[in-house]
Structure formats: C-alpha cells, structure tokens
Amino acid sequence: MAVFQLNVNNRSYAVDVDPDTPLLWVLRDELNLTGTKYGCGVAQCGACTVHLNGNPVRSCTLPVAAAKGNITTIEGLSENGDHPVQKAWIELDVAQCGYCQAGQIMTAAALLARKPQPTDADIDTAMAGNICRCGTYKRIRKAIHLAATKGGAR
C-alpha cells in the first residue's frame, strides 16, 4: 500500500491503495465517484473514460500510480450537468440504457476541446473505441455536432 495524492475534479485527495490499483476502482470505491463505469476491464469499451490532463484515458487499466495530474470524471465535467455535450445528449435523447454514456460524453468533450468543429470523420475516429450496445452511434455523432455549435469546447 502507498499513499497517492490525486487531483480529481479540482479537489485534492489522499488515497492509501496498492500502486497497481486501477484508477477506476480508486474513483468508485475510495472516492465514491460512481459516474465512471466498469465495462470490460481491458480498455476496449470506453465506459470508464475519464480525462487525465485533458486527455481521455481508460481508467480501468490505468494504475493509480500513473495517474499524475488533473483527473476529471463525469461528475466534474460540469457542476450542474450543463456542459454543452451533456445538454446536447439530453436534447437529442442520445442515451437508451445509458450505461456507456459517461464514457461517451467524456470522450466527446475531450474531442471538442481539441477540435471545436469536428468533421464526421473526426468524430468517428475519436469515438471509435467507445462501444454502445444500444447502437446510438448516429445520435452520438449528431449530438457532438450540436454541442460544437453551442460552445462544446469549454
């Protein structure tokens, strides 16, 4: 066990865990930030996506010892669920079951921060690693375009 200092959603935390513990389990079990979901455990589905220094990362395989810098979870994307991506998701009824949506939203928000006016090809490339079992991919793409028109890069 070791103590790690984490900056999550602009708050500092000290956690005493094994260095190999995946960041996902630290977020969920130690910090009670349960918006980030466990999907596959092998970084293939995207449900566990969070931002590390603004970049989307798969928290299910990232050891807490490697999580250096600013971590943002779905809870920290906006205080009131009013990030342009979140608003676009609601406006277009993107989610069906909703399980993958936190990871989808975090990936989309990172894309818009890098590329405020993405093309369909940009969106398809950025979102390719996020699996939606309900198949809402067309609505996801449409919502990302909508968020881009509403300042999605904030």
N, C-alpha and C. Protein backbone atom coordinates (compact mmCIF):
# COMPACT_ATOMS: atom_id res chain seq x y z
N MET A 1 0.84 -1.18 0.00
CA MET A 1 0.00 0.00 0.00
C MET A 1 0.89 1.25 0.00
N ALA A 2 0.33 2.28 -0.60
CA ALA A 2 1.05 3.55 -0.65
C ALA A 2 0.02 4.67 -0.69
N VAL A 3 0.42 5.83 -0.26
CA VAL A 3 -0.48 6.98 -0.28
C VAL A 3 -0.21 7.77 -1.56
N PHE A 4 -1.28 8.03 -2.29
CA PHE A 4 -1.20 8.81 -3.52
C PHE A 4 -2.02 10.07 -3.37
N GLN A 5 -1.46 11.17 -3.82
CA GLN A 5 -2.16 12.45 -3.84
C GLN A 5 -2.79 12.59 -5.22
N LEU A 6 -4.09 12.71 -5.27
CA LEU A 6 -4.80 12.85 -6.55
C LEU A 6 -5.55 14.17 -6.59
N ASN A 7 -5.56 14.79 -7.76
CA ASN A 7 -6.37 15.97 -8.00
C ASN A 7 -7.52 15.52 -8.90
N VAL A 8 -8.69 15.37 -8.31
CA VAL A 8 -9.86 14.87 -9.03
C VAL A 8 -10.96 15.93 -8.97
N ASN A 9 -11.39 16.35 -10.14
CA ASN A 9 -12.47 17.35 -10.23
C ASN A 9 -12.15 18.59 -9.40
N ASN A 10 -10.87 19.01 -9.49
CA ASN A 10 -10.38 20.21 -8.81
C ASN A 10 -10.39 20.11 -7.29
N ARG A 11 -10.35 18.88 -6.78
CA ARG A 11 -10.22 18.67 -5.34
C ARG A 11 -9.05 17.74 -5.10
N SER A 12 -8.35 17.94 -4.00
CA SER A 12 -7.22 17.08 -3.65
C SER A 12 -7.66 15.95 -2.73
N TYR A 13 -7.15 14.78 -3.02
CA TYR A 13 -7.46 13.60 -2.23
C TYR A 13 -6.17 12.85 -1.94
N ALA A 14 -6.09 12.22 -0.78
CA ALA A 14 -5.02 11.29 -0.45
C ALA A 14 -5.67 9.92 -0.33
N VAL A 15 -5.16 8.97 -1.09
CA VAL A 15 -5.70 7.61 -1.04
C VAL A 15 -4.58 6.64 -0.73
N ASP A 16 -4.86 5.69 0.13
CA ASP A 16 -3.89 4.68 0.52
C ASP A 16 -4.30 3.36 -0.13
N VAL A 17 -3.69 3.08 -1.27
CA VAL A 17 -4.05 1.89 -2.05
C VAL A 17 -2.78 1.27 -2.65
N ASP A 18 -2.92 0.08 -3.16
CA ASP A 18 -1.84 -0.57 -3.88
C ASP A 18 -1.54 0.24 -5.14
N PRO A 19 -0.28 0.45 -5.48
CA PRO A 19 0.07 1.26 -6.66
C PRO A 19 -0.51 0.73 -7.97
N ASP A 20 -0.77 -0.55 -8.04
CA ASP A 20 -1.32 -1.15 -9.26
C ASP A 20 -2.84 -1.08 -9.34
N THR A 21 -3.49 -0.56 -8.32
CA THR A 21 -4.95 -0.46 -8.35
C THR A 21 -5.39 0.42 -9.51
N PRO A 22 -6.28 -0.08 -10.36
CA PRO A 22 -6.76 0.76 -11.46
C PRO A 22 -7.44 2.02 -10.94
N LEU A 23 -7.20 3.12 -11.63
CA LEU A 23 -7.81 4.39 -11.25
C LEU A 23 -9.32 4.26 -11.12
N LEU A 24 -9.95 3.48 -11.97
CA LEU A 24 -11.40 3.28 -11.91
C LEU A 24 -11.86 2.89 -10.51
N TRP A 25 -11.17 1.92 -9.92
CA TRP A 25 -11.60 1.43 -8.61
C TRP A 25 -11.29 2.43 -7.51
N VAL A 26 -10.25 3.23 -7.68
CA VAL A 26 -9.98 4.30 -6.70
C VAL A 26 -11.11 5.32 -6.77
N LEU A 27 -11.48 5.72 -7.99
CA LEU A 27 -12.56 6.69 -8.14
C LEU A 27 -13.86 6.17 -7.54
N ARG A 28 -14.22 4.95 -7.88
CA ARG A 28 -15.50 4.40 -7.45
C ARG A 28 -15.51 3.99 -5.98
N ASP A 29 -14.49 3.23 -5.56
CA ASP A 29 -14.52 2.63 -4.22
C ASP A 29 -13.92 3.51 -3.13
N GLU A 30 -12.92 4.30 -3.47
CA GLU A 30 -12.27 5.14 -2.46
C GLU A 30 -12.87 6.54 -2.40
N LEU A 31 -13.24 7.09 -3.57
CA LEU A 31 -13.73 8.47 -3.62
C LEU A 31 -15.24 8.56 -3.83
N ASN A 32 -15.88 7.42 -4.01
CA ASN A 32 -17.34 7.35 -4.20
C ASN A 32 -17.82 8.18 -5.40
N LEU A 33 -17.01 8.24 -6.43
CA LEU A 33 -17.38 8.89 -7.69
C LEU A 33 -17.81 7.79 -8.65
N THR A 34 -19.07 7.44 -8.60
CA THR A 34 -19.55 6.25 -9.29
C THR A 34 -20.10 6.51 -10.68
N GLY A 35 -19.97 7.73 -11.18
CA GLY A 35 -20.42 8.02 -12.54
C GLY A 35 -19.58 7.33 -13.59
N THR A 36 -18.30 7.11 -13.30
CA THR A 36 -17.42 6.39 -14.20
C THR A 36 -17.73 4.91 -14.05
N LYS A 37 -18.01 4.26 -15.17
CA LYS A 37 -18.50 2.87 -15.14
C LYS A 37 -17.43 1.85 -15.49
N TYR A 38 -17.60 0.66 -14.95
CA TYR A 38 -16.81 -0.50 -15.34
C TYR A 38 -17.55 -1.17 -16.49
N GLY A 39 -16.85 -1.39 -17.58
CA GLY A 39 -17.45 -2.06 -18.72
C GLY A 39 -16.79 -3.38 -19.01
N CYS A 40 -15.53 -3.32 -19.44
CA CYS A 40 -14.86 -4.55 -19.88
C CYS A 40 -13.63 -4.89 -19.04
N GLY A 41 -13.00 -3.91 -18.45
CA GLY A 41 -11.81 -4.14 -17.65
C GLY A 41 -10.53 -4.28 -18.45
N VAL A 42 -10.60 -4.13 -19.78
CA VAL A 42 -9.41 -4.27 -20.62
C VAL A 42 -9.25 -3.10 -21.59
N ALA A 43 -9.85 -1.97 -21.28
CA ALA A 43 -9.70 -0.72 -22.05
C ALA A 43 -10.21 -0.83 -23.48
N GLN A 44 -11.23 -1.65 -23.70
CA GLN A 44 -11.75 -1.82 -25.04
C GLN A 44 -13.11 -1.18 -25.28
N CYS A 45 -13.87 -0.86 -24.23
CA CYS A 45 -15.24 -0.39 -24.46
C CYS A 45 -15.45 1.10 -24.23
N GLY A 46 -14.62 1.74 -23.41
CA GLY A 46 -14.72 3.17 -23.19
C GLY A 46 -15.64 3.62 -22.07
N ALA A 47 -16.35 2.70 -21.43
CA ALA A 47 -17.29 3.11 -20.37
C ALA A 47 -16.58 3.80 -19.21
N CYS A 48 -15.32 3.49 -19.01
CA CYS A 48 -14.55 4.01 -17.88
C CYS A 48 -13.75 5.27 -18.20
N THR A 49 -14.03 5.90 -19.33
CA THR A 49 -13.22 7.04 -19.77
C THR A 49 -13.34 8.23 -18.83
N VAL A 50 -12.18 8.75 -18.45
CA VAL A 50 -12.07 10.00 -17.69
C VAL A 50 -11.02 10.84 -18.40
N HIS A 51 -10.87 12.07 -17.98
CA HIS A 51 -9.81 12.92 -18.54
C HIS A 51 -8.64 12.94 -17.57
N LEU A 52 -7.45 12.79 -18.12
CA LEU A 52 -6.21 12.96 -17.37
C LEU A 52 -5.45 14.06 -18.09
N ASN A 53 -5.33 15.20 -17.42
CA ASN A 53 -4.71 16.37 -18.03
C ASN A 53 -5.38 16.73 -19.36
N GLY A 54 -6.69 16.59 -19.40
CA GLY A 54 -7.47 16.95 -20.57
C GLY A 54 -7.59 15.88 -21.63
N ASN A 55 -6.86 14.79 -21.49
CA ASN A 55 -6.90 13.72 -22.48
C ASN A 55 -7.78 12.57 -22.01
N PRO A 56 -8.57 11.99 -22.91
CA PRO A 56 -9.39 10.86 -22.50
C PRO A 56 -8.52 9.62 -22.26
N VAL A 57 -8.70 8.98 -21.11
CA VAL A 57 -7.97 7.76 -20.78
C VAL A 57 -8.94 6.73 -20.23
N ARG A 58 -8.57 5.49 -20.37
CA ARG A 58 -9.37 4.38 -19.84
C ARG A 58 -8.92 4.09 -18.42
N SER A 59 -9.76 4.41 -17.48
CA SER A 59 -9.39 4.30 -16.07
C SER A 59 -9.37 2.86 -15.57
N CYS A 60 -9.93 1.93 -16.32
CA CYS A 60 -9.96 0.53 -15.85
C CYS A 60 -8.60 -0.14 -15.93
N THR A 61 -7.69 0.39 -16.75
CA THR A 61 -6.37 -0.22 -16.86
C THR A 61 -5.25 0.73 -16.45
N LEU A 62 -5.57 1.95 -16.11
CA LEU A 62 -4.55 2.92 -15.70
C LEU A 62 -4.26 2.77 -14.21
N PRO A 63 -3.05 2.33 -13.86
CA PRO A 63 -2.73 2.20 -12.43
C PRO A 63 -2.75 3.57 -11.75
N VAL A 64 -3.23 3.60 -10.54
CA VAL A 64 -3.31 4.86 -9.82
C VAL A 64 -1.93 5.52 -9.73
N ALA A 65 -0.88 4.72 -9.69
CA ALA A 65 0.48 5.28 -9.62
C ALA A 65 0.83 6.09 -10.86
N ALA A 66 0.15 5.83 -11.98
CA ALA A 66 0.43 6.56 -13.23
C ALA A 66 -0.53 7.73 -13.44
N ALA A 67 -1.46 7.93 -12.55
CA ALA A 67 -2.47 8.98 -12.70
C ALA A 67 -1.95 10.29 -12.11
N LYS A 68 -1.03 10.89 -12.80
CA LYS A 68 -0.40 12.12 -12.31
C LYS A 68 -0.98 13.32 -13.07
N GLY A 69 -1.45 14.28 -12.32
CA GLY A 69 -2.01 15.48 -12.93
C GLY A 69 -3.47 15.65 -12.56
N ASN A 70 -4.17 16.34 -13.43
CA ASN A 70 -5.58 16.66 -13.19
C ASN A 70 -6.48 15.59 -13.79
N ILE A 71 -7.32 15.03 -12.93
CA ILE A 71 -8.27 14.00 -13.34
C ILE A 71 -9.66 14.62 -13.31
N THR A 72 -10.41 14.42 -14.39
CA THR A 72 -11.79 14.89 -14.43
C THR A 72 -12.68 13.69 -14.73
N THR A 73 -13.69 13.52 -13.90
CA THR A 73 -14.68 12.46 -14.12
C THR A 73 -15.96 13.11 -14.65
N ILE A 74 -16.93 12.31 -14.98
CA ILE A 74 -18.21 12.85 -15.45
C ILE A 74 -18.82 13.79 -14.41
N GLU A 75 -18.59 13.51 -13.14
CA GLU A 75 -19.12 14.39 -12.09
C GLU A 75 -18.46 15.77 -12.12
N GLY A 76 -17.24 15.84 -12.62
CA GLY A 76 -16.51 17.10 -12.65
C GLY A 76 -16.56 17.83 -13.97
N LEU A 77 -17.22 17.24 -14.96
CA LEU A 77 -17.30 17.89 -16.27
C LEU A 77 -18.03 19.22 -16.17
N SER A 78 -19.08 19.25 -15.37
CA SER A 78 -19.80 20.49 -15.10
C SER A 78 -20.50 20.35 -13.76
N GLU A 79 -20.72 21.46 -13.10
CA GLU A 79 -21.35 21.41 -11.78
C GLU A 79 -22.82 21.00 -11.84
N ASN A 80 -23.51 21.44 -12.88
CA ASN A 80 -24.95 21.24 -12.94
C ASN A 80 -25.41 20.41 -14.14
N GLY A 81 -24.50 19.66 -14.74
CA GLY A 81 -24.87 18.89 -15.92
C GLY A 81 -25.15 19.78 -17.12
N ASP A 82 -24.52 20.96 -17.13
CA ASP A 82 -24.82 21.91 -18.19
C ASP A 82 -23.67 22.10 -19.19
N HIS A 83 -22.75 21.16 -19.22
CA HIS A 83 -21.72 21.20 -20.26
C HIS A 83 -22.44 21.05 -21.60
N PRO A 84 -21.99 21.73 -22.64
CA PRO A 84 -22.68 21.64 -23.94
C PRO A 84 -22.87 20.21 -24.45
N VAL A 85 -21.93 19.33 -24.17
CA VAL A 85 -22.10 17.93 -24.60
C VAL A 85 -23.23 17.28 -23.82
N GLN A 86 -23.27 17.50 -22.53
CA GLN A 86 -24.35 16.92 -21.72
C GLN A 86 -25.72 17.46 -22.17
N LYS A 87 -25.77 18.76 -22.44
CA LYS A 87 -27.04 19.35 -22.89
C LYS A 87 -27.46 18.79 -24.24
N ALA A 88 -26.51 18.61 -25.15
CA ALA A 88 -26.83 18.05 -26.47
C ALA A 88 -27.31 16.60 -26.33
N TRP A 89 -26.70 15.85 -25.44
CA TRP A 89 -27.12 14.46 -25.21
C TRP A 89 -28.59 14.42 -24.78
N ILE A 90 -28.94 15.32 -23.89
CA ILE A 90 -30.33 15.36 -23.39
C ILE A 90 -31.27 15.83 -24.50
N GLU A 91 -30.89 16.91 -25.18
CA GLU A 91 -31.75 17.46 -26.22
C GLU A 91 -32.06 16.44 -27.32
N LEU A 92 -31.09 15.60 -27.65
CA LEU A 92 -31.29 14.64 -28.74
C LEU A 92 -31.63 13.24 -28.24
N ASP A 93 -31.88 13.09 -26.94
CA ASP A 93 -32.23 11.77 -26.39
C ASP A 93 -31.25 10.70 -26.85
N VAL A 94 -29.96 10.97 -26.67
CA VAL A 94 -28.93 10.05 -27.15
C VAL A 94 -29.01 8.71 -26.42
N ALA A 95 -29.09 8.75 -25.11
CA ALA A 95 -28.98 7.52 -24.32
C ALA A 95 -30.22 6.65 -24.43
N GLN A 96 -29.98 5.36 -24.48
CA GLN A 96 -31.07 4.39 -24.31
C GLN A 96 -30.89 3.78 -22.93
N CYS A 97 -30.03 2.79 -22.80
CA CYS A 97 -29.82 2.24 -21.46
C CYS A 97 -28.96 3.18 -20.62
N GLY A 98 -28.06 3.92 -21.28
CA GLY A 98 -27.25 4.93 -20.61
C GLY A 98 -25.95 4.45 -19.99
N TYR A 99 -25.71 3.16 -19.94
CA TYR A 99 -24.54 2.66 -19.23
C TYR A 99 -23.23 3.22 -19.77
N CYS A 100 -23.10 3.29 -21.07
CA CYS A 100 -21.84 3.73 -21.68
C CYS A 100 -21.73 5.24 -21.78
N GLN A 101 -22.77 5.94 -21.47
CA GLN A 101 -22.85 7.36 -21.82
C GLN A 101 -21.85 8.25 -21.10
N ALA A 102 -21.49 7.96 -19.87
CA ALA A 102 -20.47 8.79 -19.20
C ALA A 102 -19.17 8.75 -19.99
N GLY A 103 -18.77 7.57 -20.41
CA GLY A 103 -17.55 7.43 -21.21
C GLY A 103 -17.68 8.09 -22.57
N GLN A 104 -18.85 7.96 -23.18
CA GLN A 104 -19.08 8.60 -24.47
C GLN A 104 -18.99 10.12 -24.33
N ILE A 105 -19.63 10.65 -23.32
CA ILE A 105 -19.63 12.10 -23.09
C ILE A 105 -18.23 12.62 -22.80
N MET A 106 -17.47 11.89 -21.98
CA MET A 106 -16.11 12.34 -21.65
C MET A 106 -15.23 12.31 -22.90
N THR A 107 -15.39 11.30 -23.74
CA THR A 107 -14.60 11.24 -24.97
C THR A 107 -15.00 12.36 -25.91
N ALA A 108 -16.30 12.62 -26.03
CA ALA A 108 -16.78 13.69 -26.90
C ALA A 108 -16.30 15.06 -26.40
N ALA A 109 -16.34 15.29 -25.10
CA ALA A 109 -15.89 16.57 -24.54
C ALA A 109 -14.40 16.79 -24.82
N ALA A 110 -13.60 15.72 -24.70
CA ALA A 110 -12.16 15.84 -24.99
C ALA A 110 -11.94 16.14 -26.47
N LEU A 111 -12.73 15.50 -27.33
CA LEU A 111 -12.62 15.77 -28.76
C LEU A 111 -12.90 17.24 -29.05
N LEU A 112 -13.99 17.77 -28.51
CA LEU A 112 -14.36 19.16 -28.77
C LEU A 112 -13.36 20.15 -28.18
N ALA A 113 -12.71 19.77 -27.10
CA ALA A 113 -11.67 20.63 -26.54
C ALA A 113 -10.47 20.71 -27.48
N ARG A 114 -10.18 19.61 -28.17
CA ARG A 114 -9.07 19.58 -29.13
C ARG A 114 -9.46 20.14 -30.48
N LYS A 115 -10.70 19.87 -30.89
CA LYS A 115 -11.14 20.22 -32.23
C LYS A 115 -12.58 20.74 -32.12
N PRO A 116 -12.76 22.04 -31.94
CA PRO A 116 -14.08 22.60 -31.68
C PRO A 116 -15.12 22.40 -32.78
N GLN A 117 -14.70 22.20 -34.00
CA GLN A 117 -15.63 21.98 -35.12
C GLN A 117 -15.26 20.69 -35.86
N PRO A 118 -15.48 19.55 -35.25
CA PRO A 118 -15.04 18.29 -35.87
C PRO A 118 -15.91 17.88 -37.06
N THR A 119 -15.28 17.18 -37.97
CA THR A 119 -16.00 16.59 -39.10
C THR A 119 -16.56 15.24 -38.66
N ASP A 120 -17.40 14.65 -39.49
CA ASP A 120 -17.87 13.30 -39.20
C ASP A 120 -16.70 12.34 -39.03
N ALA A 121 -15.70 12.48 -39.90
CA ALA A 121 -14.53 11.60 -39.81
C ALA A 121 -13.78 11.80 -38.49
N ASP A 122 -13.66 13.05 -38.03
CA ASP A 122 -13.01 13.33 -36.76
C ASP A 122 -13.77 12.65 -35.62
N ILE A 123 -15.08 12.79 -35.65
CA ILE A 123 -15.92 12.20 -34.62
C ILE A 123 -15.81 10.68 -34.64
N ASP A 124 -15.91 10.09 -35.82
CA ASP A 124 -15.82 8.64 -35.93
C ASP A 124 -14.49 8.12 -35.41
N THR A 125 -13.41 8.83 -35.72
CA THR A 125 -12.09 8.42 -35.26
C THR A 125 -11.99 8.52 -33.74
N ALA A 126 -12.40 9.66 -33.19
CA ALA A 126 -12.30 9.88 -31.74
C ALA A 126 -13.17 8.93 -30.95
N MET A 127 -14.35 8.63 -31.48
CA MET A 127 -15.32 7.83 -30.74
C MET A 127 -15.22 6.34 -31.03
N ALA A 128 -14.34 5.94 -31.93
CA ALA A 128 -14.27 4.55 -32.39
C ALA A 128 -14.08 3.54 -31.26
N GLY A 129 -13.39 3.89 -30.22
CA GLY A 129 -13.13 2.96 -29.14
C GLY A 129 -14.22 2.90 -28.09
N ASN A 130 -15.29 3.65 -28.27
CA ASN A 130 -16.38 3.65 -27.30
C ASN A 130 -17.53 2.81 -27.85
N ILE A 131 -17.86 1.77 -27.13
CA ILE A 131 -18.90 0.85 -27.57
C ILE A 131 -20.23 1.21 -26.92
N CYS A 132 -21.27 1.24 -27.74
CA CYS A 132 -22.63 1.45 -27.27
C CYS A 132 -23.44 0.22 -27.69
N ARG A 133 -23.79 -0.60 -26.75
CA ARG A 133 -24.54 -1.81 -27.08
C ARG A 133 -25.92 -1.50 -27.64
N CYS A 134 -26.43 -0.33 -27.35
CA CYS A 134 -27.75 0.06 -27.86
C CYS A 134 -27.66 0.59 -29.29
N GLY A 135 -26.47 0.87 -29.77
CA GLY A 135 -26.27 1.32 -31.14
C GLY A 135 -26.69 2.74 -31.42
N THR A 136 -26.47 3.64 -30.47
CA THR A 136 -26.90 5.03 -30.66
C THR A 136 -25.84 5.89 -31.36
N TYR A 137 -25.00 5.29 -32.16
CA TYR A 137 -23.88 5.99 -32.77
C TYR A 137 -24.29 7.19 -33.61
N LYS A 138 -25.36 7.09 -34.36
CA LYS A 138 -25.79 8.22 -35.19
C LYS A 138 -26.24 9.39 -34.32
N ARG A 139 -26.93 9.09 -33.23
CA ARG A 139 -27.35 10.17 -32.32
C ARG A 139 -26.15 10.76 -31.59
N ILE A 140 -25.18 9.93 -31.28
CA ILE A 140 -23.96 10.43 -30.63
C ILE A 140 -23.27 11.42 -31.56
N ARG A 141 -23.10 11.06 -32.82
CA ARG A 141 -22.45 11.95 -33.78
C ARG A 141 -23.24 13.25 -33.90
N LYS A 142 -24.55 13.14 -34.02
CA LYS A 142 -25.40 14.32 -34.16
C LYS A 142 -25.29 15.22 -32.92
N ALA A 143 -25.23 14.61 -31.74
CA ALA A 143 -25.11 15.39 -30.50
C ALA A 143 -23.77 16.10 -30.41
N ILE A 144 -22.71 15.46 -30.89
CA ILE A 144 -21.40 16.11 -30.87
C ILE A 144 -21.41 17.32 -31.79
N HIS A 145 -22.02 17.19 -32.96
CA HIS A 145 -22.13 18.35 -33.86
C HIS A 145 -22.96 19.45 -33.19
N LEU A 146 -24.05 19.08 -32.54
CA LEU A 146 -24.89 20.07 -31.86
C LEU A 146 -24.09 20.77 -30.74
N ALA A 147 -23.37 19.99 -29.96
CA ALA A 147 -22.57 20.57 -28.86
C ALA A 147 -21.52 21.53 -29.43
N ALA A 148 -20.97 21.20 -30.59
CA ALA A 148 -19.96 22.07 -31.20
C ALA A 148 -20.54 23.44 -31.53
N THR A 149 -21.82 23.47 -31.91
CA THR A 149 -22.46 24.75 -32.24
C THR A 149 -22.79 25.56 -30.97
N LYS A 150 -22.74 24.90 -29.82
CA LYS A 150 -23.10 25.55 -28.57
C LYS A 150 -21.90 25.75 -27.66
N GLY A 151 -20.71 25.77 -28.25
CA GLY A 151 -19.51 26.00 -27.44
C GLY A 151 -19.03 24.79 -26.70
N GLY A 152 -19.08 23.63 -27.32
CA GLY A 152 -18.72 22.36 -26.69
C GLY A 152 -17.30 22.26 -26.21
N ALA A 153 -16.45 23.19 -26.58
CA ALA A 153 -15.05 23.11 -26.20
C ALA A 153 -14.76 23.75 -24.84
N ARG A 154 -15.77 24.16 -24.12
CA ARG A 154 -15.49 24.87 -22.86
C ARG A 154 -14.80 24.03 -21.85
